[in-house]
Amino acid sequence: MKLAAIDIGSNAVRLQIVRTTDADPNERFKKIEFVRIPVRLGDDAFKEKWISKEKKKVFFKAMAAFKLMIDAFEVDHYMACATSAMREAKNGDKIVKKIEKEFGLKIEIINGKRESELILRSIGNLFEPKKNYLTIDVGGGSTEMTVISNQKVINSVSFDIGTVRMMDGAVKGKTWQTIEHWVKHKTDGLNNLQAVVTSGTINKIFALLTAEQGLQFFSREQLKDFHRKVSKMSVQERIDEFKLNPDRADIIDVSADIYLRILNWANIDTIVSPDNTGLKDGILNELIEKYQ
């Protein structure tokens, strides 16, 4: 069976097409194709609460291409989810309806709670008994966190803070204090807490930090050193040294900063960055459970 997940984020839109497999119980699907297009809908949505004609034009081209690929690969089932930027844009619903009318592509605008649930679906099998975890997913427009203890969800939340939103100066004044209070309160008393991180940017940082060691985790101190280094570099220097795409290079320091604040408040030193996690992978796991 072939499945497809479309993740319409604030920084980029992504399509992943996979084939389900029973060969390995730890690997539910094999990737056939992956496409990422840096549309950056958040630039409009967070500042103007409206997606402009220019952004809409690029977005429509991306969705038309995604629908063609879904048809060309003869995908059996797909799910398309739009997150923070489309949630906040006043014309988000209208855009989604027009996409469905023109291309036959159905998009669901999901709230923060639903986004957290889908992200958790991509990593649920990683949690060990009698251990404590804080999952963190910093996107372009929102940050989702879940506290896990002894394989049970203790609490889950979504905050309106992300890399694109911060760069656009669209973070409300008390947001940081609210996040700090939540993190300290919800993680208080949890011993040996580990962070499980899932966003594309932190996964890239993880790859850069552990490429030569072959590790499955990294430390808060390593992330702090990386943030200190990259913050002093220009966007072009980051592109050249780390081989980053421009839309990743200009937010990588902001992403590291958000993660560091949360890790400091939770007093977490060990960070795990597993493969095949995040919203698109959660979508795929939900499709497998529904149709297989």
Protein backbone atom coordinates (compact mmCIF):
# COMPACT_ATOMS: atom_id res chain seq x y z
CA MET A 1 0.00 0.00 0.00
CA LYS A 2 1.24 3.48 -0.90
CA LEU A 3 0.56 6.40 1.43
CA ALA A 4 1.30 10.12 1.31
CA ALA A 5 1.56 12.80 3.99
CA ILE A 6 1.45 16.53 3.30
CA ASP A 7 2.67 18.85 6.07
CA ILE A 8 1.81 22.50 5.40
CA GLY A 9 3.97 24.37 7.89
CA SER A 10 4.84 27.99 8.56
CA ASN A 11 8.31 27.73 7.04
CA ALA A 12 7.92 25.03 4.39
CA VAL A 13 5.47 22.58 2.84
CA ARG A 14 6.43 18.91 2.65
CA LEU A 15 5.24 15.83 0.81
CA GLN A 16 6.37 12.33 1.72
CA ILE A 17 5.27 9.25 -0.21
CA VAL A 18 5.91 5.81 1.28
CA ARG A 19 5.19 2.13 0.80
CA THR A 20 4.08 0.15 3.84
CA THR A 21 6.15 -2.87 4.82
CA ASP A 22 5.87 -5.82 7.20
CA ALA A 23 9.50 -6.91 6.82
CA ASP A 24 10.73 -5.06 9.92
CA PRO A 25 8.45 -4.57 12.96
CA ASN A 26 10.39 -1.41 13.86
CA GLU A 27 9.99 0.09 10.38
CA ARG A 28 6.39 0.46 9.25
CA PHE A 29 7.14 2.08 5.88
CA LYS A 30 9.83 2.73 3.28
CA LYS A 31 10.27 6.18 1.78
CA ILE A 32 9.62 6.44 -1.95
CA GLU A 33 9.80 10.21 -2.40
CA PHE A 34 10.20 13.35 -0.30
CA VAL A 35 9.81 16.97 -1.44
CA ARG A 36 10.22 20.13 0.64
CA ILE A 37 9.35 23.59 -0.71
CA PRO A 38 10.22 26.70 1.38
CA VAL A 39 7.01 28.68 0.88
CA ARG A 40 7.20 30.38 4.32
CA LEU A 41 3.50 31.12 4.77
CA GLY A 42 4.23 32.37 8.28
CA ASP A 43 5.75 35.63 7.02
CA ASP A 44 2.28 36.75 5.96
CA ALA A 45 0.15 34.94 8.51
CA PHE A 46 1.93 36.10 11.65
CA LYS A 47 2.41 39.74 10.66
CA GLU A 48 -0.68 40.46 8.56
CA LYS A 49 -3.02 37.60 9.60
CA TRP A 50 -3.52 37.14 5.87
CA ILE A 51 -1.79 35.14 3.13
CA SER A 52 -0.90 37.48 0.28
CA LYS A 53 -1.47 36.94 -3.43
CA GLU A 54 2.26 36.36 -3.93
CA LYS A 55 2.52 33.66 -1.26
CA LYS A 56 -0.76 32.15 -2.36
CA LYS A 57 0.52 31.83 -5.92
CA VAL A 58 3.61 29.90 -4.79
CA PHE A 59 1.54 27.78 -2.42
CA PHE A 60 -0.96 26.86 -5.16
CA LYS A 61 1.91 25.79 -7.43
CA ALA A 62 3.30 23.60 -4.65
CA MET A 63 -0.07 21.95 -3.98
CA ALA A 64 -0.66 21.37 -7.71
CA ALA A 65 2.74 19.66 -7.90
CA PHE A 66 2.02 17.56 -4.82
CA LYS A 67 -1.31 16.40 -6.25
CA LEU A 68 0.38 15.44 -9.53
CA MET A 69 2.98 13.41 -7.63
CA ILE A 70 0.31 11.67 -5.55
CA ASP A 71 -1.49 10.68 -8.74
CA ALA A 72 1.70 9.73 -10.60
CA PHE A 73 2.86 7.44 -7.79
CA GLU A 74 -0.65 5.94 -7.58
CA VAL A 75 -0.99 6.64 -3.88
CA ASP A 76 -3.79 4.69 -2.19
CA HIS A 77 -4.46 7.08 0.69
CA TYR A 78 -3.18 10.50 1.73
CA MET A 79 -3.67 13.10 4.44
CA ALA A 80 -2.80 16.80 4.21
CA CYS A 81 -2.55 18.90 7.37
CA ALA A 82 -1.99 22.65 7.69
CA THR A 83 -0.70 24.05 10.96
CA SER A 84 0.05 27.38 12.65
CA ALA A 85 0.27 29.77 9.67
CA MET A 86 -2.92 28.56 8.03
CA ARG A 87 -4.67 28.51 11.42
CA GLU A 88 -3.97 32.20 11.93
CA ALA A 89 -4.51 33.49 8.39
CA LYS A 90 -8.02 34.93 8.12
CA ASN A 91 -8.22 33.66 4.54
CA GLY A 92 -6.88 30.20 5.44
CA ASP A 93 -10.24 28.43 5.16
CA LYS A 94 -10.96 30.08 1.82
CA ILE A 95 -7.56 29.03 0.44
CA VAL A 96 -8.05 25.43 1.56
CA LYS A 97 -11.48 25.27 -0.09
CA LYS A 98 -10.09 26.68 -3.33
CA ILE A 99 -7.26 24.11 -3.35
CA GLU A 100 -9.81 21.31 -3.03
CA LYS A 101 -11.98 22.78 -5.78
CA GLU A 102 -9.12 23.35 -8.25
CA PHE A 103 -6.93 20.29 -7.59
CA GLY A 104 -9.14 17.83 -5.72
CA LEU A 105 -6.70 17.97 -2.80
CA LYS A 106 -8.40 17.97 0.60
CA ILE A 107 -6.51 19.84 3.34
CA GLU A 108 -7.36 19.82 7.04
CA ILE A 109 -6.40 22.85 9.14
CA ILE A 110 -5.54 21.28 12.50
CA ASN A 111 -5.34 22.88 15.94
CA GLY A 112 -2.36 22.68 18.28
CA LYS A 113 -3.78 19.75 20.25
CA ARG A 114 -4.30 17.67 17.11
CA GLU A 115 -0.80 18.60 15.92
CA SER A 116 0.67 17.37 19.22
CA GLU A 117 -1.27 14.09 18.92
CA LEU A 118 0.03 13.43 15.41
CA ILE A 119 3.63 14.24 16.36
CA LEU A 120 3.35 11.86 19.31
CA ARG A 121 2.15 9.09 16.96
CA SER A 122 5.53 9.25 15.23
CA ILE A 123 7.52 8.59 18.42
CA GLY A 124 5.21 6.63 20.73
CA ASN A 125 7.16 3.37 20.44
CA LEU A 126 10.40 4.99 21.66
CA PHE A 127 9.34 5.50 25.28
CA GLU A 128 10.63 2.97 27.80
CA PRO A 129 8.83 1.88 31.00
CA LYS A 130 9.62 3.77 34.22
CA LYS A 131 11.36 6.58 32.34
CA ASN A 132 10.45 10.25 31.93
CA TYR A 133 10.49 12.26 28.72
CA LEU A 134 9.66 15.71 27.41
CA THR A 135 8.97 15.75 23.68
CA ILE A 136 9.66 19.09 21.98
CA ASP A 137 8.79 20.09 18.44
CA VAL A 138 9.71 23.67 17.51
CA GLY A 139 8.15 24.63 14.20
CA GLY A 140 7.95 27.86 12.28
CA GLY A 141 4.88 29.14 14.10
CA SER A 142 4.25 26.95 17.13
CA THR A 143 5.97 24.70 19.64
CA GLU A 144 4.39 21.45 20.80
CA MET A 145 5.46 19.70 24.01
CA THR A 146 4.32 16.52 25.73
CA VAL A 147 5.36 15.12 29.11
CA ILE A 148 5.61 11.30 29.15
CA SER A 149 6.11 9.24 32.32
CA ASN A 150 6.17 5.43 32.41
CA GLN A 151 4.87 5.36 28.80
CA LYS A 152 1.83 7.49 29.69
CA VAL A 153 0.98 11.01 28.51
CA ILE A 154 0.93 13.28 31.56
CA ASN A 155 0.35 16.56 29.79
CA SER A 156 0.48 18.03 26.30
CA VAL A 157 0.47 21.63 25.07
CA SER A 158 0.96 23.87 22.03
CA PHE A 159 2.36 27.41 22.30
CA ASP A 160 2.30 30.16 19.68
CA ILE A 161 6.05 30.50 19.39
CA GLY A 162 8.29 29.33 16.56
CA THR A 163 11.26 30.28 14.44
CA VAL A 164 9.46 32.25 11.72
CA ARG A 165 7.15 33.89 14.26
CA MET A 166 10.17 35.05 16.29
CA MET A 167 12.01 36.37 13.23
CA ASP A 168 8.89 38.31 12.26
CA GLY A 169 8.67 39.87 15.73
CA ALA A 170 5.22 38.35 16.23
CA VAL A 171 5.73 36.72 19.64
CA LYS A 172 3.53 38.22 22.36
CA GLY A 173 5.29 39.65 25.41
CA LYS A 174 4.10 37.18 28.06
CA THR A 175 4.54 34.07 25.93
CA TRP A 176 7.99 33.24 27.27
CA GLN A 177 6.84 33.56 30.89
CA THR A 178 3.86 31.31 30.17
CA ILE A 179 6.08 28.65 28.59
CA GLU A 180 8.61 28.84 31.43
CA HIS A 181 5.88 28.37 34.02
CA TRP A 182 4.37 25.41 32.14
CA VAL A 183 7.71 23.64 31.65
CA LYS A 184 8.86 24.07 35.26
CA HIS A 185 5.48 23.10 36.69
CA LYS A 186 4.84 20.05 34.48
CA THR A 187 8.36 18.60 34.78
CA ASP A 188 8.81 19.23 38.50
CA GLY A 189 9.67 16.04 40.37
CA LEU A 190 10.42 13.97 37.25
CA ASN A 191 13.84 12.38 37.67
CA ASN A 192 16.34 11.71 34.86
CA LEU A 193 14.18 13.55 32.35
CA GLN A 194 15.20 13.18 28.69
CA ALA A 195 14.21 15.39 25.78
CA VAL A 196 12.97 13.85 22.53
CA VAL A 197 13.17 16.44 19.74
CA THR A 198 11.45 16.09 16.38
CA SER A 199 11.57 19.20 14.17
CA GLY A 200 13.56 19.34 10.94
CA THR A 201 15.92 22.08 12.12
CA ILE A 202 16.92 20.41 15.39
CA ASN A 203 17.38 17.13 13.51
CA LYS A 204 19.77 18.99 11.20
CA ILE A 205 21.66 20.37 14.20
CA PHE A 206 21.83 16.85 15.63
CA ALA A 207 23.27 15.55 12.34
CA LEU A 208 25.89 18.31 12.30
CA LEU A 209 26.92 17.65 15.90
CA THR A 210 27.09 13.85 15.71
CA ALA A 211 28.05 13.14 12.08
CA GLU A 212 31.49 11.82 12.96
CA GLN A 213 30.63 10.09 16.25
CA GLY A 214 27.62 8.04 15.14
CA LEU A 215 25.73 8.87 18.34
CA GLN A 216 22.00 8.60 18.97
CA PHE A 217 21.87 11.58 21.34
CA PHE A 218 23.56 14.86 22.13
CA SER A 219 23.84 17.14 25.17
CA ARG A 220 22.51 20.53 26.18
CA GLU A 221 26.11 21.74 26.43
CA GLN A 222 26.79 20.73 22.82
CA LEU A 223 23.68 22.60 21.70
CA LYS A 224 24.73 25.64 23.72
CA ASP A 225 28.17 25.65 22.07
CA PHE A 226 26.59 25.29 18.63
CA HIS A 227 24.18 28.15 19.30
CA ARG A 228 27.03 30.36 20.49
CA LYS A 229 29.00 29.63 17.32
CA VAL A 230 26.20 29.93 14.78
CA SER A 231 24.84 33.15 16.31
CA LYS A 232 28.10 34.90 15.39
CA MET A 233 27.91 33.78 11.75
CA SER A 234 26.13 35.44 8.85
CA VAL A 235 23.46 33.51 6.96
CA GLN A 236 25.85 33.04 4.05
CA GLU A 237 28.58 31.72 6.35
CA ARG A 238 26.12 29.18 7.75
CA ILE A 239 25.16 28.10 4.24
CA ASP A 240 28.80 27.67 3.25
CA GLU A 241 30.06 25.90 6.38
CA PHE A 242 27.09 23.66 7.18
CA LYS A 243 25.73 23.18 3.62
CA LEU A 244 22.32 24.52 4.65
CA ASN A 245 19.46 25.71 2.50
CA PRO A 246 18.90 29.49 2.87
CA ASP A 247 15.52 29.03 4.55
CA ARG A 248 17.14 26.75 7.13
CA ALA A 249 20.25 28.88 7.59
CA ASP A 250 18.39 32.00 8.66
CA ILE A 251 16.38 30.27 11.40
CA ILE A 252 18.82 27.70 12.79
CA ASP A 253 20.09 30.01 15.56
CA VAL A 254 16.52 30.93 16.55
CA SER A 255 15.54 27.27 16.70
CA ALA A 256 18.53 26.42 18.90
CA ASP A 257 17.65 29.34 21.19
CA ILE A 258 14.06 28.14 21.72
CA TYR A 259 15.19 24.58 22.46
CA LEU A 260 17.87 25.80 24.89
CA ARG A 261 15.41 27.88 26.87
CA ILE A 262 13.08 24.91 27.28
CA LEU A 263 15.93 22.54 28.16
CA ASN A 264 17.24 24.99 30.76
CA TRP A 265 13.81 25.39 32.38
CA ALA A 266 13.31 21.62 32.48
CA ASN A 267 16.94 21.07 33.56
CA ILE A 268 17.45 18.46 30.84
CA ASP A 269 20.95 17.48 29.71
CA THR A 270 20.30 14.51 27.40
CA ILE A 271 18.62 15.11 24.04
CA VAL A 272 17.46 12.31 21.73
CA SER A 273 16.79 13.06 18.06
CA PRO A 274 15.22 9.94 16.52
CA ASP A 275 14.78 9.28 12.80
CA ASN A 276 11.40 9.39 11.05
CA THR A 277 9.62 11.58 13.57
CA GLY A 278 7.51 14.71 13.30
CA LEU A 279 4.14 15.67 11.88
CA LYS A 280 4.45 13.98 8.48
CA ASP A 281 5.53 10.72 10.09
CA GLY A 282 2.68 10.92 12.58
CA ILE A 283 0.27 11.38 9.67
CA LEU A 284 1.69 8.29 7.97
CA ASN A 285 1.37 6.21 11.14
CA GLU A 286 -2.25 7.28 11.52
CA LEU A 287 -2.96 6.31 7.90
CA ILE A 288 -1.36 2.90 8.46
CA GLU A 289 -3.50 2.28 11.56
CA LYS A 290 -6.61 3.35 9.67
CA TYR A 291 -6.16 1.43 6.42
CA GLN A 292 -3.85 -1.53 7.02
